[in-house]
Structures are given as structure tokens and as C-alpha cells.
Amino acid sequence: MEYDDVVKEFIDFVNLQVGVYMNSIAGFSGAKIQMERQVARVLRAQSRKKDAKGDLVITHQSFEDPQSPDVVHSRIITAEKFIEENSPSGINQRQLSYSVIVFIYTYWEDEIRLRLATAAGIDAKNVTSDIMSDLRCIRNSILHTKGVFTPEWHVKLVVLKDCFAVDEQIEISYELMHQIFVKIKQGCAKLIFEWLGVEPEGRFDIDQLKGFAIQKGRVKGPE
């Protein structure tokens, strides 16, 4: 496979993760809104304010039909906790962003980087990308220090250094996650320009790119 075909495959993979991320965020938001409405109906029906007398609205979650008489509840939590977890700064969004970043970096390191090196006829260590190096630092912090950025990894950041603080939990907002997606595509553009021996300076600012696609020419068949 040609070098640019491998880059294109990686871009397609990243775009797939963008779709999964956005769909999941929409699902969290929808679940949060639905629960808030259900809580309001319950409290209104009982003519009391939220948490009056220490009472809590409880929600049951199951992978099975909730109407089934022998349904097994996989999780029982308070509605308040459910709403908190599905909020924009909640644990669900954090775990989602962590998972996507680890997945993208692993695919890059274990698959794409090696294939790019083979296509270019160089050692894999010479296939470099600043943003992917940053994702490595984030990935290692997620897996080895429970999502807290230690000085050891924070000092190695290049592109995202100003986005995180030392010795604090890695928090990735919706806006920052999309910034990371864009930076990955900009990194892919740089790989292509380096492979082609093209210097984009003076033509355009590659850091202003929001998206990147590779169009392959069609081979004409016999007339």
C-alpha cells in the first residue's frame, strides 16, 4: 500500500472516532434530559421538593426489557448521580474521551506508524508527529497514573502543553476533544507534505486547517 493510502486510512479511522464521540455525547445529553424530566414528574406527583426529608429518586438500569418480571438490574443509582454522570463535565464524557484517545494512539503506534515506515522505506522511529507524541503522553497518564498528568509526561507535551496542568486530573472538554481531532488531521497533512517534499510555508498556514482529505486520481480503463 502506498504511503498516502496509509495516511488516508488513518484519517478515515479518526473520522470514525469523531462520529462515535459525537453520537455518544448526544446520547449522554439525551439521557440526562430524560432523567431530569422524569425526576421532575415524580417530585411533582408527590407534591414535594427535591430531596425533601432526605428522600431520593432512584433509577434502575438494565440491559434487559425493564417490563420483564424477572429483569436483572445491572445498576441501581440515584437519579441525581445519574444526571451528574451524564453531564458535560461528568465521568461518562471523561471516560469516553480517554477511551477514544487511547484507541487512536494505539492504532497509530501499533499499525499505522509501522506501515508508513514500510511504505517510505525508513525506520519506524523516523515517522514522527508532534500531536501523536502528545497523545502518547496523555495515554500513558491515563493508564499509569489514573489520568493525572505527572511532571514527567507533561514536560514532553508539544502541541497541547497549554491545555493541561501538572499534577491535576486530565479533563478533556467537548471543545478540546474537537481541537485534538483537528490537530491529528493537521499532523496527517504534515506527514503527506513531508513525504511529497513540499513546503507549505508561504502558501498557507497548516495550523489553520480544519479538515484534510486525500483524493486519488482515477485510472482510465481501456477505451
C-alpha atoms as a PDB file:
ATOM      1  CA  MET A   1       0.000   0.000   0.000  1.00  0.00           C
ATOM      2  CA  GLU A   2       1.263   3.482  -0.885  1.00  0.00           C
ATOM      3  CA  TYR A   3       2.241   5.968   1.832  1.00  0.00           C
ATOM      4  CA  ASP A   4      -0.665   8.313   1.096  1.00  0.00           C
ATOM      5  CA  ASP A   5      -3.117   5.391   1.160  1.00  0.00           C
ATOM      6  CA  VAL A   6      -1.985   4.546   4.696  1.00  0.00           C
ATOM      7  CA  VAL A   7      -2.435   8.175   5.787  1.00  0.00           C
ATOM      8  CA  LYS A   8      -5.893   8.204   4.204  1.00  0.00           C
ATOM      9  CA  GLU A   9      -6.806   5.033   6.084  1.00  0.00           C
ATOM     10  CA  PHE A  10      -5.754   6.667   9.339  1.00  0.00           C
ATOM     11  CA  ILE A  11      -7.794   9.798   8.559  1.00  0.00           C
ATOM     12  CA  ASP A  12     -10.835   7.603   7.868  1.00  0.00           C
ATOM     13  CA  PHE A  13     -10.264   5.850  11.199  1.00  0.00           C
ATOM     14  CA  VAL A  14     -10.041   9.182  13.038  1.00  0.00           C
ATOM     15  CA  ASN A  15     -13.233  10.386  11.332  1.00  0.00           C
ATOM     16  CA  LEU A  16     -14.948   7.222  12.552  1.00  0.00           C
ATOM     17  CA  GLN A  17     -13.912   8.056  16.115  1.00  0.00           C
ATOM     18  CA  VAL A  18     -15.246  11.602  15.652  1.00  0.00           C
ATOM     19  CA  GLY A  19     -18.634  10.132  14.759  1.00  0.00           C
ATOM     20  CA  VAL A  20     -18.621   7.730  17.702  1.00  0.00           C
ATOM     21  CA  TYR A  21     -17.619  10.536  20.063  1.00  0.00           C
ATOM     22  CA  MET A  22     -20.335  12.922  18.862  1.00  0.00           C
ATOM     23  CA  ASN A  23     -23.035  10.238  18.909  1.00  0.00           C
ATOM     24  CA  SER A  24     -22.054   9.219  22.432  1.00  0.00           C
ATOM     25  CA  ILE A  25     -22.089  12.815  23.677  1.00  0.00           C
ATOM     26  CA  ALA A  26     -25.553  13.232  22.175  1.00  0.00           C
ATOM     27  CA  GLY A  27     -26.627  10.049  23.963  1.00  0.00           C
ATOM     28  CA  PHE A  28     -25.328  11.304  27.320  1.00  0.00           C
ATOM     29  CA  SER A  29     -27.141  14.603  26.836  1.00  0.00           C
ATOM     30  CA  GLY A  30     -30.383  12.877  25.878  1.00  0.00           C
ATOM     31  CA  ALA A  31     -30.200  10.528  28.872  1.00  0.00           C
ATOM     32  CA  LYS A  32     -29.555  13.465  31.206  1.00  0.00           C
ATOM     33  CA  ILE A  33     -32.501  15.468  29.878  1.00  0.00           C
ATOM     34  CA  GLN A  34     -34.816  12.454  30.022  1.00  0.00           C
ATOM     35  CA  MET A  35     -33.881  11.720  33.628  1.00  0.00           C
ATOM     36  CA  GLU A  36     -34.309  15.365  34.653  1.00  0.00           C
ATOM     37  CA  ARG A  37     -37.831  15.305  33.222  1.00  0.00           C
ATOM     38  CA  GLN A  38     -38.665  12.027  34.961  1.00  0.00           C
ATOM     39  CA  VAL A  39     -37.412  13.355  38.296  1.00  0.00           C
ATOM     40  CA  ALA A  40     -39.493  16.497  37.884  1.00  0.00           C
ATOM     41  CA  ARG A  41     -42.612  14.403  37.185  1.00  0.00           C
ATOM     42  CA  VAL A  42     -42.023  12.159  40.208  1.00  0.00           C
ATOM     43  CA  LEU A  43     -41.453  15.035  42.602  1.00  0.00           C
ATOM     44  CA  ARG A  44     -44.380  16.995  41.234  1.00  0.00           C
ATOM     45  CA  ALA A  45     -46.675  13.970  41.597  1.00  0.00           C
ATOM     46  CA  GLN A  46     -45.640  13.630  45.239  1.00  0.00           C
ATOM     47  CA  SER A  47     -46.042  17.385  45.819  1.00  0.00           C
ATOM     48  CA  ARG A  48     -42.601  17.784  47.338  1.00  0.00           C
ATOM     49  CA  LYS A  49     -39.347  19.466  46.561  1.00  0.00           C
ATOM     50  CA  LYS A  50     -36.224  17.586  45.552  1.00  0.00           C
ATOM     51  CA  ASP A  51     -34.574  15.694  48.420  1.00  0.00           C
ATOM     52  CA  ALA A  52     -37.276  16.739  50.919  1.00  0.00           C
ATOM     53  CA  LYS A  53     -36.993  14.676  54.139  1.00  0.00           C
ATOM     54  CA  GLY A  54     -33.865  13.092  52.714  1.00  0.00           C
ATOM     55  CA  ASP A  55     -35.807  11.100  50.121  1.00  0.00           C
ATOM     56  CA  LEU A  56     -34.064  10.276  46.850  1.00  0.00           C
ATOM     57  CA  VAL A  57     -35.373   9.363  43.426  1.00  0.00           C
ATOM     58  CA  ILE A  58     -33.816   6.031  42.448  1.00  0.00           C
ATOM     59  CA  THR A  59     -33.223   4.791  38.903  1.00  0.00           C
ATOM     60  CA  HIS A  60     -32.713   1.178  37.838  1.00  0.00           C
ATOM     61  CA  GLN A  61     -30.686   0.291  34.758  1.00  0.00           C
ATOM     62  CA  SER A  62     -30.675  -2.993  32.892  1.00  0.00           C
ATOM     63  CA  PHE A  63     -29.617  -4.480  29.559  1.00  0.00           C
ATOM     64  CA  GLU A  64     -32.930  -6.351  29.525  1.00  0.00           C
ATOM     65  CA  ASP A  65     -36.538  -5.303  28.990  1.00  0.00           C
ATOM     66  CA  PRO A  66     -37.413  -3.238  32.084  1.00  0.00           C
ATOM     67  CA  GLN A  67     -41.003  -4.544  31.887  1.00  0.00           C
ATOM     68  CA  SER A  68     -39.879  -8.152  32.255  1.00  0.00           C
ATOM     69  CA  PRO A  69     -40.959  -9.664  35.625  1.00  0.00           C
ATOM     70  CA  ASP A  70     -37.548 -11.274  36.201  1.00  0.00           C
ATOM     71  CA  VAL A  71     -35.446  -8.401  34.892  1.00  0.00           C
ATOM     72  CA  VAL A  72     -31.912  -8.225  36.293  1.00  0.00           C
ATOM     73  CA  HIS A  73     -30.890  -4.700  37.220  1.00  0.00           C
ATOM     74  CA  SER A  74     -27.227  -4.189  36.390  1.00  0.00           C
ATOM     75  CA  ARG A  75     -27.100  -0.864  38.190  1.00  0.00           C
ATOM     76  CA  ILE A  76     -29.153   0.967  40.796  1.00  0.00           C
ATOM     77  CA  ILE A  77     -28.218   4.591  41.496  1.00  0.00           C
ATOM     78  CA  THR A  78     -29.866   7.830  42.488  1.00  0.00           C
ATOM     79  CA  ALA A  79     -31.296   9.955  39.716  1.00  0.00           C
ATOM     80  CA  GLU A  80     -29.103  12.802  40.933  1.00  0.00           C
ATOM     81  CA  LYS A  81     -25.992  10.665  40.439  1.00  0.00           C
ATOM     82  CA  PHE A  82     -27.207   9.569  37.015  1.00  0.00           C
ATOM     83  CA  ILE A  83     -27.666  13.195  35.939  1.00  0.00           C
ATOM     84  CA  GLU A  84     -24.242  14.120  37.292  1.00  0.00           C
ATOM     85  CA  GLU A  85     -22.526  11.292  35.400  1.00  0.00           C
ATOM     86  CA  ASN A  86     -24.175  12.268  32.110  1.00  0.00           C
ATOM     87  CA  SER A  87     -23.463  15.998  32.434  1.00  0.00           C
ATOM     88  CA  PRO A  88     -20.877  17.671  30.131  1.00  0.00           C
ATOM     89  CA  SER A  89     -18.204  17.509  32.840  1.00  0.00           C
ATOM     90  CA  GLY A  90     -19.301  14.112  34.143  1.00  0.00           C
ATOM     91  CA  ILE A  91     -17.463  10.819  34.360  1.00  0.00           C
ATOM     92  CA  ASN A  92     -19.062   9.427  31.195  1.00  0.00           C
ATOM     93  CA  GLN A  93     -17.669  12.176  28.973  1.00  0.00           C
ATOM     94  CA  ARG A  94     -14.272  11.845  30.649  1.00  0.00           C
ATOM     95  CA  GLN A  95     -14.131   8.088  30.146  1.00  0.00           C
ATOM     96  CA  LEU A  96     -15.290   8.470  26.548  1.00  0.00           C
ATOM     97  CA  SER A  97     -12.548  10.960  25.694  1.00  0.00           C
ATOM     98  CA  TYR A  98      -9.964   8.807  27.488  1.00  0.00           C
ATOM     99  CA  SER A  99     -11.059   5.723  25.544  1.00  0.00           C
ATOM    100  CA  VAL A 100     -11.001   7.472  22.166  1.00  0.00           C
ATOM    101  CA  ILE A 101      -7.528   8.915  22.745  1.00  0.00           C
ATOM    102  CA  VAL A 102      -6.080   5.581  23.885  1.00  0.00           C
ATOM    103  CA  PHE A 103      -7.712   3.823  20.912  1.00  0.00           C
ATOM    104  CA  ILE A 104      -6.426   6.341  18.346  1.00  0.00           C
ATOM    105  CA  TYR A 105      -2.905   6.341  19.738  1.00  0.00           C
ATOM    106  CA  THR A 106      -2.739   2.531  19.932  1.00  0.00           C
ATOM    107  CA  TYR A 107      -3.866   2.196  16.308  1.00  0.00           C
ATOM    108  CA  TRP A 108      -1.278   4.781  15.261  1.00  0.00           C
ATOM    109  CA  GLU A 109       1.595   3.194  17.186  1.00  0.00           C
ATOM    110  CA  ASP A 110       0.875  -0.495  16.556  1.00  0.00           C
ATOM    111  CA  GLU A 111      -0.423  -0.304  12.983  1.00  0.00           C
ATOM    112  CA  ILE A 112      -0.237   2.966  11.044  1.00  0.00           C
ATOM    113  CA  ARG A 113       3.247   4.112  12.048  1.00  0.00           C
ATOM    114  CA  LEU A 114       4.803   0.771  11.116  1.00  0.00           C
ATOM    115  CA  ARG A 115       3.059   0.713   7.745  1.00  0.00           C
ATOM    116  CA  LEU A 116       4.097   4.289   6.976  1.00  0.00           C
ATOM    117  CA  ALA A 117       7.689   3.341   7.717  1.00  0.00           C
ATOM    118  CA  THR A 118       7.460   0.332   5.403  1.00  0.00           C
ATOM    119  CA  ALA A 119       5.906   2.413   2.612  1.00  0.00           C
ATOM    120  CA  ALA A 120       8.596   5.083   2.942  1.00  0.00           C
ATOM    121  CA  GLY A 121      11.423   2.586   3.356  1.00  0.00           C
ATOM    122  CA  ILE A 122      12.563   4.069   6.660  1.00  0.00           C
ATOM    123  CA  ASP A 123      12.756   3.040  10.300  1.00  0.00           C
ATOM    124  CA  ALA A 124       9.518   3.479  12.264  1.00  0.00           C
ATOM    125  CA  LYS A 125      11.270   5.760  14.763  1.00  0.00           C
ATOM    126  CA  ASN A 126      11.727   8.262  11.927  1.00  0.00           C
ATOM    127  CA  VAL A 127       7.958   8.513  11.382  1.00  0.00           C
ATOM    128  CA  THR A 128       7.127  11.279  13.834  1.00  0.00           C
ATOM    129  CA  SER A 129       4.170  13.501  14.661  1.00  0.00           C
ATOM    130  CA  ASP A 130       4.036  16.087  17.444  1.00  0.00           C
ATOM    131  CA  ILE A 131       0.331  15.584  18.122  1.00  0.00           C
ATOM    132  CA  MET A 132       0.688  11.799  18.263  1.00  0.00           C
ATOM    133  CA  SER A 133       3.590  12.212  20.693  1.00  0.00           C
ATOM    134  CA  ASP A 134       1.246  14.321  22.835  1.00  0.00           C
ATOM    135  CA  LEU A 135      -1.414  11.607  22.686  1.00  0.00           C
ATOM    136  CA  ARG A 136       1.227   9.158  23.890  1.00  0.00           C
ATOM    137  CA  CYS A 137       1.793  11.339  26.958  1.00  0.00           C
ATOM    138  CA  ILE A 138      -1.953  11.534  27.610  1.00  0.00           C
ATOM    139  CA  ARG A 139      -2.350   7.802  27.052  1.00  0.00           C
ATOM    140  CA  ASN A 140       0.433   6.933  29.491  1.00  0.00           C
ATOM    141  CA  SER A 141      -1.001   9.282  32.110  1.00  0.00           C
ATOM    142  CA  ILE A 142      -4.431   7.694  31.712  1.00  0.00           C
ATOM    143  CA  LEU A 143      -3.131   4.144  32.021  1.00  0.00           C
ATOM    144  CA  HIS A 144      -0.323   4.541  34.540  1.00  0.00           C
ATOM    145  CA  THR A 145      -1.197   7.493  36.796  1.00  0.00           C
ATOM    146  CA  LYS A 146      -5.011   7.298  36.806  1.00  0.00           C
ATOM    147  CA  GLY A 147      -5.419  10.255  34.464  1.00  0.00           C
ATOM    148  CA  VAL A 148      -3.214  12.653  36.426  1.00  0.00           C
ATOM    149  CA  PHE A 149      -0.525  14.487  34.454  1.00  0.00           C
ATOM    150  CA  THR A 150       2.801  13.984  36.209  1.00  0.00           C
ATOM    151  CA  PRO A 151       5.703  16.388  35.505  1.00  0.00           C
ATOM    152  CA  GLU A 152       7.465  13.527  33.692  1.00  0.00           C
ATOM    153  CA  TRP A 153       4.813  13.379  30.981  1.00  0.00           C
ATOM    154  CA  HIS A 154       3.623  16.987  30.991  1.00  0.00           C
ATOM    155  CA  VAL A 155       7.086  18.335  30.123  1.00  0.00           C
ATOM    156  CA  LYS A 156       7.083  16.226  26.947  1.00  0.00           C
ATOM    157  CA  LEU A 157       3.927  17.844  25.544  1.00  0.00           C
ATOM    158  CA  VAL A 158       4.429  19.924  22.405  1.00  0.00           C
ATOM    159  CA  VAL A 159       1.091  20.830  20.805  1.00  0.00           C
ATOM    160  CA  LEU A 160      -1.199  20.540  23.843  1.00  0.00           C
ATOM    161  CA  LYS A 161       1.090  21.780  26.618  1.00  0.00           C
ATOM    162  CA  ASP A 162      -1.159  24.752  27.487  1.00  0.00           C
ATOM    163  CA  CYS A 163      -4.279  22.568  27.642  1.00  0.00           C
ATOM    164  CA  PHE A 164      -3.346  20.642  30.794  1.00  0.00           C
ATOM    165  CA  ALA A 165      -1.906  21.348  34.240  1.00  0.00           C
ATOM    166  CA  VAL A 166       0.753  19.386  36.113  1.00  0.00           C
ATOM    167  CA  ASP A 167      -0.382  17.002  38.874  1.00  0.00           C
ATOM    168  CA  GLU A 168      -4.054  17.530  38.052  1.00  0.00           C
ATOM    169  CA  GLN A 169      -6.717  15.274  36.581  1.00  0.00           C
ATOM    170  CA  ILE A 170      -6.798  15.286  32.793  1.00  0.00           C
ATOM    171  CA  GLU A 171     -10.087  16.931  31.828  1.00  0.00           C
ATOM    172  CA  ILE A 172     -10.990  16.969  28.141  1.00  0.00           C
ATOM    173  CA  SER A 173     -13.968  19.148  27.288  1.00  0.00           C
ATOM    174  CA  TYR A 174     -16.073  18.771  24.155  1.00  0.00           C
ATOM    175  CA  GLU A 175     -14.266  21.755  22.627  1.00  0.00           C
ATOM    176  CA  LEU A 176     -10.802  20.430  23.481  1.00  0.00           C
ATOM    177  CA  MET A 177     -11.627  16.996  22.111  1.00  0.00           C
ATOM    178  CA  HIS A 178     -12.566  18.507  18.768  1.00  0.00           C
ATOM    179  CA  GLN A 179      -9.393  20.574  18.850  1.00  0.00           C
ATOM    180  CA  ILE A 180      -7.457  17.332  19.285  1.00  0.00           C
ATOM    181  CA  PHE A 181      -9.259  15.764  16.316  1.00  0.00           C
ATOM    182  CA  VAL A 182      -8.313  18.788  14.186  1.00  0.00           C
ATOM    183  CA  LYS A 183      -4.689  18.654  15.365  1.00  0.00           C
ATOM    184  CA  ILE A 184      -4.487  14.983  14.377  1.00  0.00           C
ATOM    185  CA  LYS A 185      -5.651  15.820  10.851  1.00  0.00           C
ATOM    186  CA  GLN A 186      -3.165  18.682  10.667  1.00  0.00           C
ATOM    187  CA  GLY A 187      -0.497  16.183  11.683  1.00  0.00           C
ATOM    188  CA  CYS A 188      -1.595  13.900   8.843  1.00  0.00           C
ATOM    189  CA  ALA A 189      -1.307  16.811   6.413  1.00  0.00           C
ATOM    190  CA  LYS A 190       2.258  17.446   7.593  1.00  0.00           C
ATOM    191  CA  LEU A 191       3.135  13.787   7.019  1.00  0.00           C
ATOM    192  CA  ILE A 192       1.887  13.993   3.433  1.00  0.00           C
ATOM    193  CA  PHE A 193       3.743  17.237   2.717  1.00  0.00           C
ATOM    194  CA  GLU A 194       6.955  15.774   4.134  1.00  0.00           C
ATOM    195  CA  TRP A 195       6.507  12.651   2.022  1.00  0.00           C
ATOM    196  CA  LEU A 196       5.944  14.759  -1.112  1.00  0.00           C
ATOM    197  CA  GLY A 197       8.830  17.051  -0.265  1.00  0.00           C
ATOM    198  CA  VAL A 198       6.505  20.055  -0.326  1.00  0.00           C
ATOM    199  CA  GLU A 199       6.983  23.067   1.934  1.00  0.00           C
ATOM    200  CA  PRO A 200       3.546  24.623   2.695  1.00  0.00           C
ATOM    201  CA  GLU A 201       5.120  27.720   4.247  1.00  0.00           C
ATOM    202  CA  GLY A 202       4.297  30.786   2.201  1.00  0.00           C
ATOM    203  CA  ARG A 203       1.290  29.094   0.600  1.00  0.00           C
ATOM    204  CA  PHE A 204      -0.902  28.628   3.652  1.00  0.00           C
ATOM    205  CA  ASP A 205      -0.706  28.076   7.399  1.00  0.00           C
ATOM    206  CA  ILE A 206      -1.127  24.360   8.017  1.00  0.00           C
ATOM    207  CA  ASP A 207      -2.184  25.064  11.609  1.00  0.00           C
ATOM    208  CA  GLN A 208      -5.307  26.770  10.246  1.00  0.00           C
ATOM    209  CA  LEU A 209      -6.538  23.604   8.535  1.00  0.00           C
ATOM    210  CA  LYS A 210      -9.814  22.286   9.953  1.00  0.00           C
ATOM    211  CA  GLY A 211     -10.018  19.172   7.823  1.00  0.00           C
ATOM    212  CA  PHE A 212      -7.893  17.129   5.474  1.00  0.00           C
ATOM    213  CA  ALA A 213      -8.726  14.671   2.703  1.00  0.00           C
ATOM    214  CA  ILE A 214      -6.731  12.802   0.070  1.00  0.00           C
ATOM    215  CA  GLN A 215      -8.196  12.491  -3.407  1.00  0.00           C
ATOM    216  CA  LYS A 216      -6.731   9.796  -5.604  1.00  0.00           C
ATOM    217  CA  GLY A 217      -6.781  10.142  -9.384  1.00  0.00           C
ATOM    218  CA  ARG A 218      -8.776   7.595 -11.333  1.00  0.00           C
ATOM    219  CA  VAL A 219      -7.019   5.202 -13.655  1.00  0.00           C
ATOM    220  CA  LYS A 220      -8.735   5.138 -17.032  1.00  0.00           C
ATOM    221  CA  GLY A 221      -9.683   1.751 -18.354  1.00  0.00           C
ATOM    222  CA  PRO A 222      -9.448   0.617 -21.967  1.00  0.00           C
ATOM    223  CA  GLU A 223     -11.496   2.634 -24.442  1.00  0.00           C
END
